[in-house]
Amino acid sequence: MDSLSQPAQRKIIHIDMDSFYASVEQRDNSALRGKPVAVGGGPEGRGGVVATASYEARAFGVHSAMSSKRAQQLCPHLLFVYPRFAVYKEVSRQIREIFSRYTDLIEPLSLDEAYLDVSHDKLGIGSAIEIAKAIKAAIKEELNLTASAGVSINKFVAKVASNMNKPDGLTFIGPSKVEDFIGKLPVEKFHGVGKVTAEKMKIRGLHTGADLKKLTEAELVHLFGKSGRFFYKIVRGLDHRKVEPNQETKSIGAEDTFSFDLEELSEMKPELERIAQIVFQRMSLYRLYGRTLTVKIKFSDFKQITRSKSFAEEITTIEMVNEVSWSLLTAADLEGRKVRLLGVSVSNFNPAPEKGMLYQPRLFP
């Protein structure tokens, strides 16, 4: 590690359940086991969106945030299962209870993943690897589900590591290996780097963490905005973010960066409706309905605007989410401008939810 090294070495575990919703459905229904399963709205009518796909479905290219119609095209024998959100929340509570046997420093990111700081674990085990093994074993034995774990000295590396040997994996990146690990990491594997940013990096000859490390902080900021500062530190193995339990989450949202810029409203409408449907699924999952809806628009020149509208009553239907999103988009001055990203979010909850109760990554992180 260089002179900017971590102030104190920590033991961080990132636990990520394997194909969580689909695995719960396969666990509870033997007829689904070993078969391609998609949890989410089916392809009938205008079609829904895939929330989670089983590993059998992923083999056909089916993934979360994909339209159900497209998923069925890729896998004609795909079995669609309507989400049972109350069940997933209860299983998530059981998983969190297992975490709490070892530490109180738990930062849930969603129902199916969390960071744990086990630098000073409750049972005095001392080894983060042994704790991760024990957690995985308890989840398997008590809940008949599998989880993958990443273990390292900070949140960034632990999260990347948890995705390396799925399903049912455990990957440890020790302190002396962190910079080398990040140096060899393809840029598309960096958490928070989407398809478009990854392509932008590759066009400039930036294919790995080692390539990014060659640039100064000023050069990275010039190319990637404030994210450049994050990249500058991460490629040096630096991530001082703490594991923070119970931090308030202020909105539910989703956004997508498109492979090609959109120029016509007729192109934007189905994409906006797809994103709005994902947001409403999340609202329904947590029974959280806000009074403010915001549309985010990012243009091809990377400038962005947001448009919001607030109501006296909560937004409680997909029709209202679609209608308000569309009215905000069409009211913006888009003439002659190319759109590379659209996003929808709902906020102004009452009462405010706790962090970890919401799942809202980019659609294609």
Protein backbone atom coordinates (compact mmCIF):
# COMPACT_ATOMS: atom_id res chain seq x y z
CA MET A 1 0.00 0.00 0.00
CA ASP A 2 1.26 3.54 -0.66
CA SER A 3 1.62 6.48 1.72
CA LEU A 4 -2.13 7.13 1.62
CA SER A 5 -2.80 3.75 3.22
CA GLN A 6 -5.72 2.84 5.45
CA PRO A 7 -5.68 4.51 8.92
CA ALA A 8 -6.34 1.13 10.53
CA GLN A 9 -6.76 -2.31 9.06
CA ARG A 10 -10.31 -3.59 9.22
CA LYS A 11 -12.03 -6.92 8.63
CA ILE A 12 -14.95 -6.41 6.26
CA ILE A 13 -17.29 -9.09 4.90
CA HIS A 14 -19.75 -8.57 2.07
CA ILE A 15 -22.49 -11.20 1.96
CA ASP A 16 -24.57 -11.52 -1.21
CA MET A 17 -27.36 -14.09 -1.44
CA ASP A 18 -27.33 -16.17 -4.61
CA SER A 19 -30.25 -15.35 -6.94
CA PHE A 20 -32.24 -14.57 -3.82
CA TYR A 21 -35.90 -14.28 -4.89
CA ALA A 22 -35.60 -17.14 -7.39
CA SER A 23 -33.75 -19.34 -4.89
CA VAL A 24 -36.49 -18.82 -2.29
CA GLU A 25 -39.10 -19.81 -4.87
CA GLN A 26 -37.14 -22.92 -5.88
CA ARG A 27 -36.65 -23.83 -2.23
CA ASP A 28 -40.36 -23.57 -1.49
CA ASN A 29 -41.61 -25.23 -4.68
CA SER A 30 -39.88 -28.44 -5.73
CA ALA A 31 -41.43 -28.18 -9.22
CA LEU A 32 -39.21 -25.16 -9.91
CA ARG A 33 -35.90 -26.73 -8.88
CA GLY A 34 -33.35 -27.13 -11.63
CA LYS A 35 -35.50 -25.14 -14.05
CA PRO A 36 -35.13 -21.63 -15.49
CA VAL A 37 -37.17 -19.30 -13.29
CA ALA A 38 -37.81 -15.56 -13.49
CA VAL A 39 -39.38 -13.73 -10.58
CA GLY A 40 -41.35 -10.71 -11.74
CA GLY A 41 -44.21 -9.71 -13.98
CA GLY A 42 -44.99 -12.12 -16.82
CA PRO A 43 -44.87 -11.36 -20.55
CA GLU A 44 -48.65 -11.13 -20.96
CA GLY A 45 -50.14 -7.89 -22.23
CA ARG A 46 -47.63 -5.05 -22.13
CA GLY A 47 -45.32 -7.33 -20.16
CA GLY A 48 -43.49 -6.95 -16.88
CA VAL A 49 -39.89 -6.78 -15.75
CA VAL A 50 -37.64 -9.54 -14.40
CA ALA A 51 -36.69 -8.85 -10.77
CA THR A 52 -34.43 -11.89 -10.37
CA ALA A 53 -33.51 -14.85 -12.57
CA SER A 54 -32.37 -18.27 -11.41
CA TYR A 55 -28.95 -19.50 -12.50
CA GLU A 56 -30.64 -21.87 -14.93
CA ALA A 57 -32.31 -18.84 -16.57
CA ARG A 58 -29.11 -16.81 -16.55
CA ALA A 59 -27.49 -19.47 -18.71
CA PHE A 60 -29.86 -18.27 -21.48
CA GLY A 61 -28.93 -14.61 -20.98
CA VAL A 62 -31.91 -13.69 -18.79
CA HIS A 63 -31.08 -11.09 -16.13
CA SER A 64 -32.70 -8.66 -13.72
CA ALA A 65 -34.26 -5.47 -15.14
CA MET A 66 -34.86 -7.22 -18.48
CA SER A 67 -38.34 -7.03 -19.95
CA SER A 68 -40.30 -10.26 -19.51
CA LYS A 69 -41.03 -10.36 -23.24
CA ARG A 70 -37.32 -10.29 -24.05
CA ALA A 71 -36.61 -12.90 -21.37
CA GLN A 72 -39.18 -15.25 -22.91
CA GLN A 73 -37.61 -14.77 -26.34
CA LEU A 74 -34.23 -15.83 -24.96
CA CYS A 75 -35.67 -18.74 -22.99
CA PRO A 76 -39.05 -19.94 -24.35
CA HIS A 77 -39.48 -22.47 -21.52
CA LEU A 78 -38.82 -19.84 -18.81
CA LEU A 79 -41.13 -20.16 -15.80
CA PHE A 80 -42.45 -16.84 -14.50
CA VAL A 81 -43.26 -16.56 -10.79
CA TYR A 82 -45.03 -13.57 -9.28
CA PRO A 83 -43.00 -12.07 -6.40
CA ARG A 84 -43.92 -12.94 -2.80
CA PHE A 85 -42.41 -9.89 -1.18
CA ALA A 86 -43.64 -10.64 2.34
CA VAL A 87 -41.81 -13.98 2.22
CA TYR A 88 -38.57 -12.41 0.98
CA LYS A 89 -38.69 -9.80 3.75
CA GLU A 90 -39.14 -12.50 6.39
CA VAL A 91 -36.25 -14.56 5.01
CA SER A 92 -34.12 -11.40 4.93
CA ARG A 93 -34.93 -10.84 8.61
CA GLN A 94 -33.78 -14.38 9.38
CA ILE A 95 -30.53 -13.82 7.48
CA ARG A 96 -29.91 -10.60 9.39
CA GLU A 97 -30.45 -12.46 12.65
CA ILE A 98 -27.61 -14.81 11.66
CA PHE A 99 -25.37 -11.81 10.95
CA SER A 100 -26.13 -10.32 14.37
CA ARG A 101 -24.67 -13.37 16.14
CA TYR A 102 -21.24 -12.14 15.11
CA THR A 103 -21.44 -8.33 14.94
CA ASP A 104 -23.76 -5.38 15.40
CA LEU A 105 -21.98 -3.44 12.64
CA ILE A 106 -24.27 -4.54 9.80
CA GLU A 107 -25.05 -2.31 6.81
CA PRO A 108 -27.84 -3.86 4.71
CA LEU A 109 -27.79 -2.72 1.10
CA SER A 110 -30.97 -4.57 0.18
CA LEU A 111 -32.93 -7.62 1.28
CA ASP A 112 -30.21 -9.90 -0.08
CA GLU A 113 -26.85 -8.27 0.62
CA ALA A 114 -25.02 -6.53 3.43
CA TYR A 115 -21.65 -5.37 4.69
CA LEU A 116 -20.41 -6.61 8.06
CA ASP A 117 -17.50 -5.17 10.04
CA VAL A 118 -16.10 -8.03 12.13
CA SER A 119 -12.90 -6.29 13.24
CA HIS A 120 -14.07 -6.92 16.81
CA ASP A 121 -16.56 -9.79 16.56
CA LYS A 122 -18.89 -10.68 19.42
CA LEU A 123 -17.63 -14.25 19.83
CA GLY A 124 -13.94 -13.43 19.78
CA ILE A 125 -13.30 -15.63 16.74
CA GLY A 126 -10.83 -13.14 15.31
CA SER A 127 -10.80 -14.52 11.76
CA ALA A 128 -13.07 -12.86 9.20
CA ILE A 129 -12.68 -15.90 6.94
CA GLU A 130 -13.93 -18.26 9.66
CA ILE A 131 -16.84 -15.93 10.44
CA ALA A 132 -17.82 -15.82 6.74
CA LYS A 133 -17.67 -19.63 6.61
CA ALA A 134 -19.86 -19.87 9.72
CA ILE A 135 -22.43 -17.41 8.32
CA LYS A 136 -22.60 -19.27 4.99
CA ALA A 137 -23.00 -22.59 6.79
CA ALA A 138 -25.79 -21.26 9.02
CA ILE A 139 -27.68 -19.81 6.04
CA LYS A 140 -27.42 -23.14 4.24
CA GLU A 141 -28.33 -25.31 7.24
CA GLU A 142 -31.09 -23.13 8.72
CA LEU A 143 -32.63 -21.57 5.61
CA ASN A 144 -31.67 -24.02 2.85
CA LEU A 145 -30.23 -21.18 0.76
CA THR A 146 -26.74 -20.28 -0.39
CA ALA A 147 -24.78 -17.06 -0.08
CA SER A 148 -21.48 -15.86 -1.49
CA ALA A 149 -18.99 -13.90 0.62
CA GLY A 150 -16.14 -11.52 -0.05
CA VAL A 151 -13.64 -10.83 2.73
CA SER A 152 -11.08 -8.01 2.72
CA ILE A 153 -9.93 -4.82 4.41
CA ASN A 154 -12.50 -2.46 2.89
CA LYS A 155 -15.99 -2.34 1.42
CA PHE A 156 -15.03 -1.95 -2.24
CA VAL A 157 -12.77 -5.00 -2.39
CA ALA A 158 -15.09 -7.15 -0.26
CA LYS A 159 -18.03 -6.41 -2.56
CA VAL A 160 -16.10 -7.18 -5.74
CA ALA A 161 -14.74 -10.36 -4.14
CA SER A 162 -18.19 -11.65 -3.19
CA ASN A 163 -19.13 -11.80 -6.87
CA MET A 164 -16.06 -13.70 -8.02
CA ASN A 165 -17.02 -17.30 -7.24
CA LYS A 166 -20.80 -17.34 -7.32
CA PRO A 167 -22.83 -19.25 -6.41
CA ASP A 168 -21.90 -20.39 -2.88
CA GLY A 169 -18.44 -18.82 -3.09
CA LEU A 170 -16.00 -17.35 -0.58
CA THR A 171 -13.17 -15.14 -1.77
CA PHE A 172 -10.52 -13.58 0.49
CA ILE A 173 -8.31 -10.71 -0.66
CA GLY A 174 -5.65 -10.13 1.98
CA PRO A 175 -4.03 -6.76 2.78
CA SER A 176 -0.86 -7.47 0.80
CA LYS A 177 -2.88 -8.53 -2.26
CA VAL A 178 -5.34 -5.63 -2.47
CA GLU A 179 -3.46 -3.30 -4.84
CA ASP A 180 -2.43 -6.16 -7.13
CA PHE A 181 -6.01 -7.45 -7.15
CA ILE A 182 -7.42 -4.05 -8.11
CA GLY A 183 -4.64 -3.51 -10.63
CA LYS A 184 -5.67 -6.64 -12.54
CA LEU A 185 -9.41 -5.95 -12.19
CA PRO A 186 -11.18 -5.16 -15.50
CA VAL A 187 -12.82 -1.74 -15.34
CA GLU A 188 -16.27 -3.22 -16.00
CA LYS A 189 -15.92 -5.16 -12.72
CA PHE A 190 -15.54 -1.96 -10.70
CA HIS A 191 -18.67 -1.52 -8.62
CA GLY A 192 -20.49 1.55 -9.91
CA VAL A 193 -18.97 1.45 -13.41
CA GLY A 194 -21.74 0.78 -15.90
CA LYS A 195 -21.59 -0.36 -19.50
CA VAL A 196 -21.25 3.10 -21.00
CA THR A 197 -18.54 4.33 -18.61
CA ALA A 198 -16.60 1.09 -19.13
CA GLU A 199 -16.71 1.63 -22.89
CA LYS A 200 -15.61 5.23 -22.45
CA MET A 201 -12.63 4.00 -20.42
CA LYS A 202 -11.66 1.34 -22.97
CA ILE A 203 -11.76 3.82 -25.85
CA ARG A 204 -9.07 5.73 -23.93
CA GLY A 205 -7.02 2.57 -23.41
CA LEU A 206 -8.11 2.14 -19.80
CA HIS A 207 -8.88 -1.56 -19.43
CA THR A 208 -7.82 -2.36 -15.85
CA GLY A 209 -7.25 -0.78 -12.49
CA ALA A 210 -3.55 -0.59 -13.32
CA ASP A 211 -4.38 1.53 -16.35
CA LEU A 212 -6.44 3.92 -14.24
CA LYS A 213 -3.61 4.15 -11.69
CA LYS A 214 -1.34 5.69 -14.35
CA LEU A 215 -3.51 8.82 -14.44
CA THR A 216 -3.34 11.69 -11.99
CA GLU A 217 -6.32 12.59 -9.86
CA ALA A 218 -6.83 15.74 -11.94
CA GLU A 219 -6.87 13.69 -15.17
CA LEU A 220 -9.40 11.23 -13.74
CA VAL A 221 -11.66 14.06 -12.55
CA HIS A 222 -11.44 15.72 -15.97
CA LEU A 223 -12.51 12.47 -17.66
CA PHE A 224 -15.08 11.16 -15.18
CA GLY A 225 -16.17 14.05 -12.98
CA LYS A 226 -16.36 13.54 -9.22
CA SER A 227 -16.18 9.76 -9.74
CA GLY A 228 -12.58 10.35 -10.80
CA ARG A 229 -11.62 11.10 -7.19
CA PHE A 230 -13.16 7.80 -6.13
CA PHE A 231 -11.28 5.92 -8.86
CA TYR A 232 -7.99 7.59 -7.85
CA LYS A 233 -8.27 6.28 -4.30
CA ILE A 234 -9.75 2.87 -5.12
CA VAL A 235 -6.98 1.86 -7.52
CA ARG A 236 -4.59 2.47 -4.64
CA GLY A 237 -6.60 0.17 -2.39
CA LEU A 238 -8.07 3.03 -0.39
CA ASP A 239 -11.66 2.96 0.79
CA HIS A 240 -12.24 4.55 4.19
CA ARG A 241 -16.01 4.21 4.13
CA LYS A 242 -17.35 2.80 7.39
CA VAL A 243 -19.96 0.08 7.76
CA GLU A 244 -22.94 2.19 8.82
CA PRO A 245 -26.00 0.50 10.34
CA ASN A 246 -29.43 2.12 10.07
CA GLN A 247 -28.54 5.08 7.88
CA GLU A 248 -31.65 6.73 6.53
CA THR A 249 -32.53 6.18 2.87
CA LYS A 250 -34.39 9.09 1.35
CA SER A 251 -35.66 7.78 -1.98
CA ILE A 252 -36.55 4.76 -4.10
CA GLY A 253 -35.29 4.98 -7.65
CA ALA A 254 -33.86 3.36 -10.75
CA GLU A 255 -32.01 4.65 -13.78
CA ASP A 256 -30.47 3.29 -16.94
CA THR A 257 -27.70 4.46 -19.25
CA PHE A 258 -28.52 3.46 -22.80
CA SER A 259 -26.14 1.82 -25.25
CA PHE A 260 -27.23 4.38 -27.85
CA ASP A 261 -28.42 7.94 -27.30
CA LEU A 262 -32.18 8.45 -27.63
CA GLU A 263 -33.34 11.30 -29.84
CA GLU A 264 -37.11 10.84 -30.17
CA LEU A 265 -39.80 10.87 -27.48
CA SER A 266 -41.20 7.74 -29.09
CA GLU A 267 -37.93 5.99 -28.19
CA MET A 268 -37.87 7.39 -24.67
CA LYS A 269 -41.41 6.49 -23.65
CA PRO A 270 -41.05 2.68 -23.45
CA GLU A 271 -37.71 3.05 -21.66
CA LEU A 272 -39.20 5.47 -19.16
CA GLU A 273 -42.16 3.14 -18.56
CA ARG A 274 -39.81 0.21 -17.98
CA ILE A 275 -37.81 2.17 -15.42
CA ALA A 276 -41.00 3.46 -13.76
CA GLN A 277 -42.29 -0.11 -13.43
CA ILE A 278 -39.10 -1.16 -11.62
CA VAL A 279 -39.48 1.78 -9.23
CA PHE A 280 -43.10 0.88 -8.53
CA GLN A 281 -42.11 -2.75 -7.88
CA ARG A 282 -39.71 -1.51 -5.21
CA MET A 283 -42.34 0.82 -3.73
CA SER A 284 -44.76 -2.09 -3.51
CA LEU A 285 -42.13 -4.39 -2.03
CA TYR A 286 -41.51 -2.10 0.93
CA ARG A 287 -45.00 -0.58 1.06
CA LEU A 288 -43.38 2.84 0.89
CA TYR A 289 -45.13 5.51 -1.13
CA GLY A 290 -43.69 8.99 -1.42
CA ARG A 291 -45.27 12.29 -2.33
CA THR A 292 -42.55 13.57 -4.67
CA LEU A 293 -41.58 12.08 -8.03
CA THR A 294 -38.40 13.09 -9.83
CA VAL A 295 -37.24 12.38 -13.38
CA LYS A 296 -33.52 12.56 -14.12
CA ILE A 297 -32.30 13.23 -17.66
CA LYS A 298 -28.64 13.05 -18.69
CA PHE A 299 -27.67 14.23 -22.15
CA SER A 300 -24.98 13.04 -24.55
CA ASP A 301 -22.71 15.92 -23.41
CA PHE A 302 -23.00 14.56 -19.82
CA LYS A 303 -24.99 17.56 -18.64
CA GLN A 304 -28.04 16.56 -16.66
CA ILE A 305 -31.28 18.02 -15.38
CA THR A 306 -33.95 16.86 -12.97
CA ARG A 307 -37.64 17.68 -12.92
CA SER A 308 -39.83 17.01 -9.88
CA LYS A 309 -43.45 17.26 -8.85
CA SER A 310 -44.90 16.95 -5.36
CA PHE A 311 -48.39 16.03 -4.23
CA ALA A 312 -50.41 16.36 -1.06
CA GLU A 313 -51.16 12.63 -1.15
CA GLU A 314 -48.85 9.67 -1.68
CA ILE A 315 -48.18 8.22 -5.14
CA THR A 316 -49.67 4.73 -4.89
CA THR A 317 -50.31 3.39 -8.41
CA ILE A 318 -48.20 2.47 -11.42
CA GLU A 319 -50.53 4.56 -13.57
CA MET A 320 -49.66 7.64 -11.52
CA VAL A 321 -45.93 6.91 -11.66
CA ASN A 322 -46.12 6.54 -15.46
CA GLU A 323 -48.31 9.59 -15.97
CA VAL A 324 -46.24 11.94 -13.80
CA SER A 325 -42.92 10.65 -15.18
CA TRP A 326 -44.09 11.19 -18.74
CA SER A 327 -45.47 14.65 -18.06
CA LEU A 328 -42.18 15.71 -16.44
CA LEU A 329 -40.15 14.32 -19.34
CA THR A 330 -42.24 15.96 -22.05
CA ALA A 331 -42.24 19.29 -20.19
CA ALA A 332 -38.43 19.39 -20.26
CA ASP A 333 -36.73 21.14 -23.17
CA LEU A 334 -35.40 18.16 -25.13
CA GLU A 335 -35.56 19.54 -28.64
CA GLY A 336 -32.38 18.76 -30.55
CA ARG A 337 -30.76 17.05 -27.56
CA LYS A 338 -29.70 13.42 -27.32
CA VAL A 339 -30.53 11.54 -24.10
CA ARG A 340 -28.08 8.95 -22.75
CA LEU A 341 -29.70 8.25 -19.36
CA LEU A 342 -33.16 8.36 -17.81
CA GLY A 343 -34.02 7.86 -14.17
CA VAL A 344 -37.13 7.93 -11.98
CA SER A 345 -37.22 8.25 -8.21
CA VAL A 346 -39.85 8.71 -5.52
CA SER A 347 -39.12 10.48 -2.24
CA ASN A 348 -40.73 12.41 0.60
CA PHE A 349 -41.79 9.34 2.58
CA ASN A 350 -43.70 9.37 5.82
CA PRO A 351 -42.20 7.91 7.94
CA ALA A 352 -38.70 7.80 6.46
CA PRO A 353 -37.41 4.24 5.89
CA GLU A 354 -34.18 2.82 7.27
CA LYS A 355 -31.20 2.14 5.03
CA GLY A 356 -31.01 -1.42 3.82
CA MET A 357 -34.75 -1.76 3.45
CA LEU A 358 -34.50 -0.47 -0.11
CA TYR A 359 -32.89 -2.02 -3.15
CA GLN A 360 -32.00 0.58 -5.74
CA PRO A 361 -28.87 0.05 -7.75
CA ARG A 362 -28.47 1.11 -11.35
CA LEU A 363 -30.32 -1.26 -13.60
CA PHE A 364 -27.07 -2.59 -15.05
CA PRO A 365 -24.37 -1.96 -12.48
